Amino acid sequence: MSASEPLENQPDGRKPRSGLQAFALSPKQAQLALLAVSLVIFGLALAPSEPEPPNLLGVDKLKHAGAFLLLTLVARAAWPMAARWSLAVGLAGFGLVIEIAQALSGWGRTASIADLVADLVGVGLGFALLACIRTLRKPAASNRS
């Protein structure tokens, strides 16, 4: 099928899925995925490591931002109708819990305000990415009508 051919309904009458929609998760599946991703990130955040000198723009900050960007995308899929601010507050709280746990762990991990800021940057980037995707999809949706 070429891009210029019209899309046909599937044999069961459903509309065909395209692009990212083909991999869409139900909210329940996304909630389970969010739990799994959160546990992995929490475990990695508490895993013993060699102390690193604090810096504002190191690989560690990129890891924090990337992790929270991913968490934001999965959280939005888990609760698609939730207000952005409520998801952002929940994710910020999770970042704070990670920093507190690192401070209390005694495994060579240290709490850092800069890490929390990197988490918030990741949340912001996640919502910005979702807004870009939504903007790019609007013209495509209006062309089908």
C-alpha atoms as a PDB file:
ATOM      1  CA  MET A   1       0.000   0.000   0.000  1.00  0.00           C
ATOM      2  CA  SER A   2       1.430   3.384  -0.969  1.00  0.00           C
ATOM      3  CA  ALA A   3       1.028   6.582   0.982  1.00  0.00           C
ATOM      4  CA  SER A   4      -1.405   7.908  -1.636  1.00  0.00           C
ATOM      5  CA  GLU A   5      -3.785   4.941  -1.435  1.00  0.00           C
ATOM      6  CA  PRO A   6      -6.824   5.376   0.809  1.00  0.00           C
ATOM      7  CA  LEU A   7      -6.839   3.422   4.040  1.00  0.00           C
ATOM      8  CA  GLU A   8      -9.367   0.614   4.172  1.00  0.00           C
ATOM      9  CA  ASN A   9     -11.087  -0.693   7.268  1.00  0.00           C
ATOM     10  CA  GLN A  10      -9.818  -3.912   8.748  1.00  0.00           C
ATOM     11  CA  PRO A  11     -11.870  -7.092   8.125  1.00  0.00           C
ATOM     12  CA  ASP A  12     -13.557  -6.710  11.522  1.00  0.00           C
ATOM     13  CA  GLY A  13     -14.727  -3.184  10.593  1.00  0.00           C
ATOM     14  CA  ARG A  14     -12.282  -1.305  12.803  1.00  0.00           C
ATOM     15  CA  LYS A  15     -10.405   1.674  11.416  1.00  0.00           C
ATOM     16  CA  PRO A  16      -6.744   0.957  10.635  1.00  0.00           C
ATOM     17  CA  ARG A  17      -4.102   2.169  13.040  1.00  0.00           C
ATOM     18  CA  SER A  18      -1.077   4.027  11.820  1.00  0.00           C
ATOM     19  CA  GLY A  19       2.185   5.286  13.221  1.00  0.00           C
ATOM     20  CA  LEU A  20       2.411   5.506  16.983  1.00  0.00           C
ATOM     21  CA  GLN A  21      -1.201   4.457  17.393  1.00  0.00           C
ATOM     22  CA  ALA A  22      -0.253   0.930  16.365  1.00  0.00           C
ATOM     23  CA  PHE A  23       1.651   0.649  19.632  1.00  0.00           C
ATOM     24  CA  ALA A  24      -0.856   2.445  21.832  1.00  0.00           C
ATOM     25  CA  LEU A  25      -1.323   1.030  25.307  1.00  0.00           C
ATOM     26  CA  SER A  26      -4.543   0.987  27.238  1.00  0.00           C
ATOM     27  CA  PRO A  27      -4.429   3.110  30.393  1.00  0.00           C
ATOM     28  CA  LYS A  28      -4.222  -0.075  32.526  1.00  0.00           C
ATOM     29  CA  GLN A  29      -1.284  -1.386  30.475  1.00  0.00           C
ATOM     30  CA  ALA A  30       0.399   2.015  30.698  1.00  0.00           C
ATOM     31  CA  GLN A  31      -0.123   2.072  34.481  1.00  0.00           C
ATOM     32  CA  LEU A  32       1.617  -1.303  34.764  1.00  0.00           C
ATOM     33  CA  ALA A  33       4.392  -0.045  32.491  1.00  0.00           C
ATOM     34  CA  LEU A  34       4.732   3.082  34.649  1.00  0.00           C
ATOM     35  CA  LEU A  35       5.050   0.933  37.764  1.00  0.00           C
ATOM     36  CA  ALA A  36       7.732  -1.200  36.108  1.00  0.00           C
ATOM     37  CA  VAL A  37       9.669   1.793  34.765  1.00  0.00           C
ATOM     38  CA  SER A  38       9.417   3.565  38.140  1.00  0.00           C
ATOM     39  CA  LEU A  39      10.760   0.531  39.994  1.00  0.00           C
ATOM     40  CA  VAL A  40      13.671   0.181  37.570  1.00  0.00           C
ATOM     41  CA  ILE A  41      14.542   3.878  37.838  1.00  0.00           C
ATOM     42  CA  PHE A  42      14.247   3.785  41.632  1.00  0.00           C
ATOM     43  CA  GLY A  43      16.468   0.706  41.792  1.00  0.00           C
ATOM     44  CA  LEU A  44      19.090   2.254  39.517  1.00  0.00           C
ATOM     45  CA  ALA A  45      19.003   5.475  41.534  1.00  0.00           C
ATOM     46  CA  LEU A  46      19.771   3.567  44.742  1.00  0.00           C
ATOM     47  CA  ALA A  47      22.317   1.128  43.312  1.00  0.00           C
ATOM     48  CA  PRO A  48      25.740   1.564  44.912  1.00  0.00           C
ATOM     49  CA  SER A  49      28.141   3.612  42.838  1.00  0.00           C
ATOM     50  CA  GLU A  50      31.400   5.470  43.009  1.00  0.00           C
ATOM     51  CA  PRO A  51      30.959   9.042  44.231  1.00  0.00           C
ATOM     52  CA  GLU A  52      31.122  11.553  41.382  1.00  0.00           C
ATOM     53  CA  PRO A  53      32.133  15.153  41.792  1.00  0.00           C
ATOM     54  CA  PRO A  54      29.017  17.317  41.535  1.00  0.00           C
ATOM     55  CA  ASN A  55      28.615  19.235  38.296  1.00  0.00           C
ATOM     56  CA  LEU A  56      25.686  20.925  36.632  1.00  0.00           C
ATOM     57  CA  LEU A  57      25.908  19.523  33.111  1.00  0.00           C
ATOM     58  CA  GLY A  58      27.317  16.013  33.458  1.00  0.00           C
ATOM     59  CA  VAL A  59      26.103  12.670  32.148  1.00  0.00           C
ATOM     60  CA  ASP A  60      24.303  12.120  35.454  1.00  0.00           C
ATOM     61  CA  LYS A  61      22.020  15.097  34.772  1.00  0.00           C
ATOM     62  CA  LEU A  62      21.266  13.748  31.280  1.00  0.00           C
ATOM     63  CA  LYS A  63      20.329  10.406  32.838  1.00  0.00           C
ATOM     64  CA  HIS A  64      17.974  12.147  35.279  1.00  0.00           C
ATOM     65  CA  ALA A  65      16.343  14.220  32.529  1.00  0.00           C
ATOM     66  CA  GLY A  66      16.020  11.206  30.224  1.00  0.00           C
ATOM     67  CA  ALA A  67      14.508   9.027  32.939  1.00  0.00           C
ATOM     68  CA  PHE A  68      11.919  11.643  33.830  1.00  0.00           C
ATOM     69  CA  LEU A  69      11.145  12.359  30.179  1.00  0.00           C
ATOM     70  CA  LEU A  70      10.334   8.650  29.815  1.00  0.00           C
ATOM     71  CA  LEU A  71       8.304   8.654  33.040  1.00  0.00           C
ATOM     72  CA  THR A  72       6.317  11.651  31.762  1.00  0.00           C
ATOM     73  CA  LEU A  73       5.451   9.932  28.476  1.00  0.00           C
ATOM     74  CA  VAL A  74       4.339   6.754  30.227  1.00  0.00           C
ATOM     75  CA  ALA A  75       2.449   8.679  32.934  1.00  0.00           C
ATOM     76  CA  ARG A  76       0.515  10.584  30.258  1.00  0.00           C
ATOM     77  CA  ALA A  77      -0.390   7.283  28.573  1.00  0.00           C
ATOM     78  CA  ALA A  78      -1.443   5.889  31.959  1.00  0.00           C
ATOM     79  CA  TRP A  79      -3.677   8.864  32.777  1.00  0.00           C
ATOM     80  CA  PRO A  80      -4.505  10.557  29.451  1.00  0.00           C
ATOM     81  CA  MET A  81      -7.206  12.804  30.904  1.00  0.00           C
ATOM     82  CA  ALA A  82      -5.303  13.941  34.009  1.00  0.00           C
ATOM     83  CA  ALA A  83      -4.255  17.566  34.289  1.00  0.00           C
ATOM     84  CA  ARG A  84      -0.638  18.134  33.293  1.00  0.00           C
ATOM     85  CA  TRP A  85       0.077  19.907  36.555  1.00  0.00           C
ATOM     86  CA  SER A  86      -1.111  16.913  38.598  1.00  0.00           C
ATOM     87  CA  LEU A  87       1.152  14.534  36.671  1.00  0.00           C
ATOM     88  CA  ALA A  88       4.031  17.004  37.001  1.00  0.00           C
ATOM     89  CA  VAL A  89       3.513  17.287  40.769  1.00  0.00           C
ATOM     90  CA  GLY A  90       3.409  13.499  41.112  1.00  0.00           C
ATOM     91  CA  LEU A  91       6.580  13.068  39.061  1.00  0.00           C
ATOM     92  CA  ALA A  92       8.330  15.848  40.996  1.00  0.00           C
ATOM     93  CA  GLY A  93       7.334  14.071  44.207  1.00  0.00           C
ATOM     94  CA  PHE A  94       8.833  10.845  42.872  1.00  0.00           C
ATOM     95  CA  GLY A  95      12.060  12.716  42.101  1.00  0.00           C
ATOM     96  CA  LEU A  96      12.098  14.096  45.641  1.00  0.00           C
ATOM     97  CA  VAL A  97      11.541  10.610  47.086  1.00  0.00           C
ATOM     98  CA  ILE A  98      14.506   9.338  45.051  1.00  0.00           C
ATOM     99  CA  GLU A  99      16.751  12.113  46.381  1.00  0.00           C
ATOM    100  CA  ILE A 100      15.661  11.489  49.986  1.00  0.00           C
ATOM    101  CA  ALA A 101      16.223   7.744  49.574  1.00  0.00           C
ATOM    102  CA  GLN A 102      19.684   8.396  48.148  1.00  0.00           C
ATOM    103  CA  ALA A 103      20.549  10.626  51.103  1.00  0.00           C
ATOM    104  CA  LEU A 104      19.431   7.950  53.559  1.00  0.00           C
ATOM    105  CA  SER A 105      20.818   4.896  51.768  1.00  0.00           C
ATOM    106  CA  GLY A 106      24.473   5.098  52.799  1.00  0.00           C
ATOM    107  CA  TRP A 107      25.488   3.307  49.570  1.00  0.00           C
ATOM    108  CA  GLY A 108      27.644   6.053  48.151  1.00  0.00           C
ATOM    109  CA  ARG A 109      24.677   7.950  46.752  1.00  0.00           C
ATOM    110  CA  THR A 110      24.070  11.580  47.612  1.00  0.00           C
ATOM    111  CA  ALA A 111      21.020  13.783  47.351  1.00  0.00           C
ATOM    112  CA  SER A 112      21.273  16.796  45.078  1.00  0.00           C
ATOM    113  CA  ILE A 113      19.039  19.728  44.280  1.00  0.00           C
ATOM    114  CA  ALA A 114      20.661  19.769  40.817  1.00  0.00           C
ATOM    115  CA  ASP A 115      19.426  16.191  40.265  1.00  0.00           C
ATOM    116  CA  LEU A 116      15.904  17.239  41.218  1.00  0.00           C
ATOM    117  CA  VAL A 117      16.129  20.170  38.799  1.00  0.00           C
ATOM    118  CA  ALA A 118      17.281  17.758  36.069  1.00  0.00           C
ATOM    119  CA  ASP A 119      14.247  15.578  36.876  1.00  0.00           C
ATOM    120  CA  LEU A 120      11.966  18.592  36.435  1.00  0.00           C
ATOM    121  CA  VAL A 121      13.685  19.488  33.155  1.00  0.00           C
ATOM    122  CA  GLY A 122      12.938  15.943  31.970  1.00  0.00           C
ATOM    123  CA  VAL A 123       9.272  16.345  32.935  1.00  0.00           C
ATOM    124  CA  GLY A 124       9.124  19.635  31.041  1.00  0.00           C
ATOM    125  CA  LEU A 125      10.779  18.093  27.996  1.00  0.00           C
ATOM    126  CA  GLY A 126       8.334  15.191  28.126  1.00  0.00           C
ATOM    127  CA  PHE A 127       5.332  17.519  28.089  1.00  0.00           C
ATOM    128  CA  ALA A 128       6.943  19.624  25.342  1.00  0.00           C
ATOM    129  CA  LEU A 129       7.463  16.494  23.238  1.00  0.00           C
ATOM    130  CA  LEU A 130       3.835  15.461  23.769  1.00  0.00           C
ATOM    131  CA  ALA A 131       2.681  18.954  22.732  1.00  0.00           C
ATOM    132  CA  CYS A 132       4.803  18.754  19.567  1.00  0.00           C
ATOM    133  CA  ILE A 133       3.370  15.346  18.704  1.00  0.00           C
ATOM    134  CA  ARG A 134      -0.162  16.623  19.301  1.00  0.00           C
ATOM    135  CA  THR A 135       0.516  19.635  17.059  1.00  0.00           C
ATOM    136  CA  LEU A 136       1.966  17.486  14.300  1.00  0.00           C
ATOM    137  CA  ARG A 137      -0.988  15.084  14.435  1.00  0.00           C
ATOM    138  CA  LYS A 138      -3.702  17.761  14.194  1.00  0.00           C
ATOM    139  CA  PRO A 139      -3.169  18.493  10.478  1.00  0.00           C
ATOM    140  CA  ALA A 140      -3.065  14.763   9.724  1.00  0.00           C
ATOM    141  CA  ALA A 141      -6.337  14.204  11.562  1.00  0.00           C
ATOM    142  CA  SER A 142      -8.061  17.099   9.770  1.00  0.00           C
ATOM    143  CA  ASN A 143      -6.919  15.782   6.361  1.00  0.00           C
ATOM    144  CA  ARG A 144      -8.749  12.487   6.971  1.00  0.00           C
ATOM    145  CA  SER A 145     -12.127  14.120   7.600  1.00  0.00           C
END
